[in-house]
Amino acid sequence: MTAKLCDTSVCSIRPLKKMTKMSKTLLLPGSLIAAALLCAGCSTTPDAPAADDQLVFQVCLRAKSMAATKLLDFTIVRADRRDIEPAMPVGRSVKDQPVFEAVAGSHASIKSTLLSIDRKAWYGFDLPQGSQAARLGAWSDWRPVDYVSRTEDAAYKVQHDLPIEKQADANREAVKVRFTMMHYKDVLATRASRRLELPRTDLDPC
């Protein structure tokens, strides 16, 4: 009788031991996976600055005479060259002001930017530094351009530090600019979506 009870208890205990070993076997990989995911989350910083981050501008036209503008020249002036970037119309503000967008690329070597509607008047804007510098993932406030110039070949002269006429008067309020920094992959995604979506009519007014 005792032997039978012993056999029964042994039979009932052995499966429990097997289950315990199996549970440990299953739990171990699971804990390793969780630890790996946790470490990956700690080491990944998707919003940290990267070497290929891009400076992106938006230009808002405030003057009524500019309301029908379809094209905008956007010149990035660097110490060693001048880049003309296409300014894409992205829509209108809630005040029916046309808004354009351009990618200026790496901001480190930018001396100035020049915008023009008619290639006669150039609106100059020097990128703020320090606490007012472009931030990743956040648009700056709209701000007026620094000056208006009707100097011929203004971008060339700015590049080579030659004097140009600068009119810092009320005309500079006709054009406002804001800017942000984006990861390169986000710039590509934004550009692709811009081509597919309808022009917006709810952009922040300037």
Protein backbone atom coordinates (compact mmCIF):
# COMPACT_ATOMS: atom_id res chain seq x y z
CA MET A 1 0.00 0.00 0.00
CA THR A 2 2.81 2.35 0.89
CA ALA A 3 4.73 1.50 -2.26
CA LYS A 4 1.65 2.25 -4.36
CA LEU A 5 1.14 5.63 -2.69
CA CYS A 6 4.80 6.39 -3.22
CA ASP A 7 4.54 5.46 -6.88
CA THR A 8 1.49 7.71 -7.19
CA SER A 9 3.22 10.66 -5.54
CA VAL A 10 6.29 10.19 -7.71
CA CYS A 11 4.13 10.10 -10.81
CA SER A 12 2.36 13.27 -9.72
CA ILE A 13 5.57 15.12 -8.88
CA ARG A 14 7.58 14.30 -12.02
CA PRO A 15 5.26 16.17 -14.43
CA LEU A 16 5.44 19.20 -12.12
CA LYS A 17 9.22 19.13 -12.29
CA LYS A 18 9.07 18.93 -16.06
CA MET A 19 6.65 21.85 -16.21
CA THR A 20 8.90 23.86 -13.92
CA LYS A 21 11.89 23.24 -16.18
CA MET A 22 9.80 24.11 -19.24
CA SER A 23 8.56 27.31 -17.62
CA LYS A 24 12.12 28.36 -16.85
CA THR A 25 13.09 27.56 -20.43
CA LEU A 26 10.24 29.70 -21.78
CA LEU A 27 10.79 32.56 -19.36
CA LEU A 28 14.51 32.89 -20.04
CA PRO A 29 14.28 33.86 -23.74
CA GLY A 30 11.33 36.13 -22.96
CA SER A 31 13.29 38.01 -20.33
CA LEU A 32 16.24 38.33 -22.69
CA ILE A 33 14.02 39.75 -25.43
CA ALA A 34 12.45 42.23 -23.01
CA ALA A 35 15.90 43.30 -21.81
CA ALA A 36 17.09 43.70 -25.40
CA LEU A 37 14.09 45.84 -26.31
CA LEU A 38 14.59 47.95 -23.19
CA CYS A 39 18.25 48.52 -24.02
CA ALA A 40 17.37 49.36 -27.60
CA GLY A 41 14.83 51.90 -26.38
CA CYS A 42 17.41 53.46 -24.10
CA SER A 43 20.05 53.75 -26.82
CA THR A 44 17.73 55.04 -29.56
CA THR A 45 17.18 58.80 -29.64
CA PRO A 46 15.04 59.55 -32.71
CA ASP A 47 14.92 63.28 -32.03
CA ALA A 48 18.63 63.79 -31.43
CA PRO A 49 20.51 66.03 -33.92
CA ALA A 50 22.14 64.15 -36.76
CA ALA A 51 24.92 65.11 -39.16
CA ASP A 52 22.53 65.19 -42.14
CA ASP A 53 19.80 67.30 -40.51
CA GLN A 54 18.28 69.77 -42.96
CA LEU A 55 17.23 73.39 -42.57
CA VAL A 56 13.74 73.99 -43.95
CA PHE A 57 12.26 77.43 -44.67
CA GLN A 58 8.70 78.59 -45.15
CA VAL A 59 8.04 81.97 -46.75
CA CYS A 60 4.76 83.83 -46.26
CA LEU A 61 3.75 86.70 -48.55
CA ARG A 62 1.72 89.37 -46.76
CA ALA A 63 1.34 92.15 -49.32
CA LYS A 64 -1.91 92.14 -51.28
CA SER A 65 0.04 92.65 -54.49
CA MET A 66 1.71 89.26 -53.87
CA ALA A 67 -1.53 87.32 -53.31
CA ALA A 68 -1.47 85.68 -56.77
CA THR A 69 2.23 84.68 -56.66
CA LYS A 70 2.90 81.18 -58.02
CA LEU A 71 6.71 81.12 -58.15
CA LEU A 72 9.39 82.23 -55.74
CA ASP A 73 13.17 82.37 -56.23
CA PHE A 74 15.03 81.16 -53.17
CA THR A 75 18.83 81.59 -53.12
CA ILE A 76 21.04 80.11 -50.41
CA VAL A 77 24.28 82.09 -50.13
CA ARG A 78 27.28 80.16 -48.80
CA ALA A 79 30.91 81.22 -48.53
CA ASP A 80 31.93 79.07 -51.52
CA ARG A 81 28.80 79.06 -53.71
CA ARG A 82 25.21 80.13 -54.27
CA ASP A 83 22.47 77.51 -54.43
CA ILE A 84 19.07 78.19 -55.99
CA GLU A 85 16.52 75.95 -54.31
CA PRO A 86 12.99 75.44 -55.66
CA ALA A 87 10.39 76.94 -53.37
CA MET A 88 7.32 74.72 -53.41
CA PRO A 89 3.90 76.32 -52.88
CA VAL A 90 2.38 74.41 -49.97
CA GLY A 91 -0.89 76.30 -49.57
CA ARG A 92 -2.29 79.41 -47.96
CA SER A 93 -2.67 80.64 -44.43
CA VAL A 94 -6.00 81.11 -42.73
CA LYS A 95 -5.71 84.76 -43.85
CA ASP A 96 -5.36 83.65 -47.48
CA GLN A 97 -1.63 84.43 -47.63
CA PRO A 98 0.44 82.29 -50.04
CA VAL A 99 3.06 80.11 -48.30
CA PHE A 100 6.09 78.50 -49.96
CA GLU A 101 8.55 75.93 -48.63
CA ALA A 102 12.22 75.31 -49.48
CA VAL A 103 14.92 73.01 -48.15
CA ALA A 104 18.14 74.89 -47.50
CA GLY A 105 20.17 71.79 -46.62
CA SER A 106 23.00 71.97 -44.11
CA HIS A 107 22.78 75.23 -42.17
CA ALA A 108 26.35 75.39 -40.90
CA SER A 109 27.79 77.23 -43.91
CA ILE A 110 24.85 79.52 -44.75
CA LYS A 111 25.77 83.22 -44.85
CA SER A 112 22.38 84.55 -45.91
CA THR A 113 19.27 83.79 -47.92
CA LEU A 114 17.72 85.92 -50.66
CA LEU A 115 14.12 85.66 -51.86
CA SER A 116 12.59 87.25 -54.91
CA ILE A 117 9.30 87.27 -56.77
CA ASP A 118 10.27 89.40 -59.77
CA ARG A 119 14.11 89.25 -59.70
CA LYS A 120 14.10 93.01 -59.16
CA ALA A 121 13.53 93.26 -55.43
CA TRP A 122 15.49 90.87 -53.22
CA TYR A 123 14.44 90.12 -49.65
CA GLY A 124 17.46 89.27 -47.52
CA PHE A 125 17.33 87.16 -44.39
CA ASP A 126 20.28 86.18 -42.19
CA LEU A 127 19.71 83.05 -40.16
CA PRO A 128 19.56 83.80 -36.38
CA GLN A 129 22.08 82.10 -34.13
CA GLY A 130 22.26 81.20 -30.45
CA SER A 131 18.95 80.98 -28.63
CA GLN A 132 17.10 82.01 -31.80
CA ALA A 133 18.70 79.31 -33.95
CA ALA A 134 16.63 76.71 -35.78
CA ARG A 135 15.41 73.85 -33.59
CA LEU A 136 14.71 70.27 -34.51
CA GLY A 137 11.02 69.53 -35.00
CA ALA A 138 9.73 73.00 -34.09
CA TRP A 139 8.90 75.93 -36.35
CA SER A 140 10.17 79.34 -35.33
CA ASP A 141 7.81 82.29 -35.18
CA TRP A 142 7.16 84.19 -38.40
CA ARG A 143 9.64 87.07 -38.63
CA PRO A 144 10.21 89.79 -41.24
CA VAL A 145 13.19 89.64 -43.56
CA ASP A 146 16.17 91.77 -42.54
CA TYR A 147 16.25 94.06 -45.57
CA VAL A 148 15.08 94.69 -49.12
CA SER A 149 17.61 95.29 -51.90
CA ARG A 150 17.27 96.22 -55.57
CA THR A 151 20.99 95.73 -56.18
CA GLU A 152 21.79 93.75 -59.32
CA ASP A 153 23.47 90.39 -58.63
CA ALA A 154 22.75 90.82 -54.94
CA ALA A 155 23.48 87.17 -54.07
CA TYR A 156 26.90 87.29 -55.73
CA LYS A 157 27.80 90.44 -53.81
CA VAL A 158 26.59 89.01 -50.50
CA GLN A 159 28.70 85.91 -51.09
CA HIS A 160 31.83 87.99 -51.70
CA ASP A 161 31.12 90.56 -48.96
CA LEU A 162 30.62 93.36 -51.44
CA PRO A 163 28.37 96.29 -50.46
CA ILE A 164 24.75 96.26 -51.55
CA GLU A 165 21.88 98.65 -51.06
CA LYS A 166 19.75 97.65 -48.08
CA GLN A 167 16.37 99.18 -47.38
CA ALA A 168 15.27 98.32 -43.86
CA ASP A 169 11.87 99.95 -44.16
CA ALA A 170 8.24 98.91 -44.12
CA ASN A 171 8.71 96.85 -47.29
CA ARG A 172 10.46 94.16 -45.26
CA GLU A 173 7.13 93.43 -43.53
CA ALA A 174 5.69 92.29 -46.87
CA VAL A 175 7.61 88.99 -46.64
CA LYS A 176 8.00 86.89 -43.50
CA VAL A 177 10.02 83.76 -42.90
CA ARG A 178 10.05 80.90 -40.43
CA PHE A 179 12.30 77.86 -40.25
CA THR A 180 12.89 74.51 -38.60
CA MET A 181 15.33 71.61 -38.62
CA MET A 182 14.31 68.16 -39.90
CA HIS A 183 15.98 64.78 -40.14
CA TYR A 184 16.81 64.01 -43.76
CA LYS A 185 14.40 61.07 -43.85
CA ASP A 186 11.61 63.34 -42.60
CA VAL A 187 12.38 65.88 -45.33
CA LEU A 188 12.01 63.15 -47.96
CA ALA A 189 8.74 61.93 -46.44
CA THR A 190 7.37 65.48 -46.21
CA ARG A 191 8.29 66.25 -49.81
CA ALA A 192 6.61 63.07 -51.01
CA SER A 193 3.41 63.85 -49.11
CA ARG A 194 3.39 67.46 -50.37
CA ARG A 195 3.16 66.19 -53.94
CA LEU A 196 0.18 63.99 -53.13
CA GLU A 197 -1.90 66.15 -50.82
CA LEU A 198 -4.12 69.06 -51.78
CA PRO A 199 -2.77 72.56 -51.01
CA ARG A 200 -3.53 73.46 -47.41
CA THR A 201 -5.65 76.45 -46.43
CA ASP A 202 -5.10 76.27 -42.66
CA LEU A 203 -1.44 77.32 -42.29
CA ASP A 204 -0.46 79.73 -39.53
CA PRO A 205 -0.89 83.35 -40.68
CA CYS A 206 2.05 85.71 -40.77
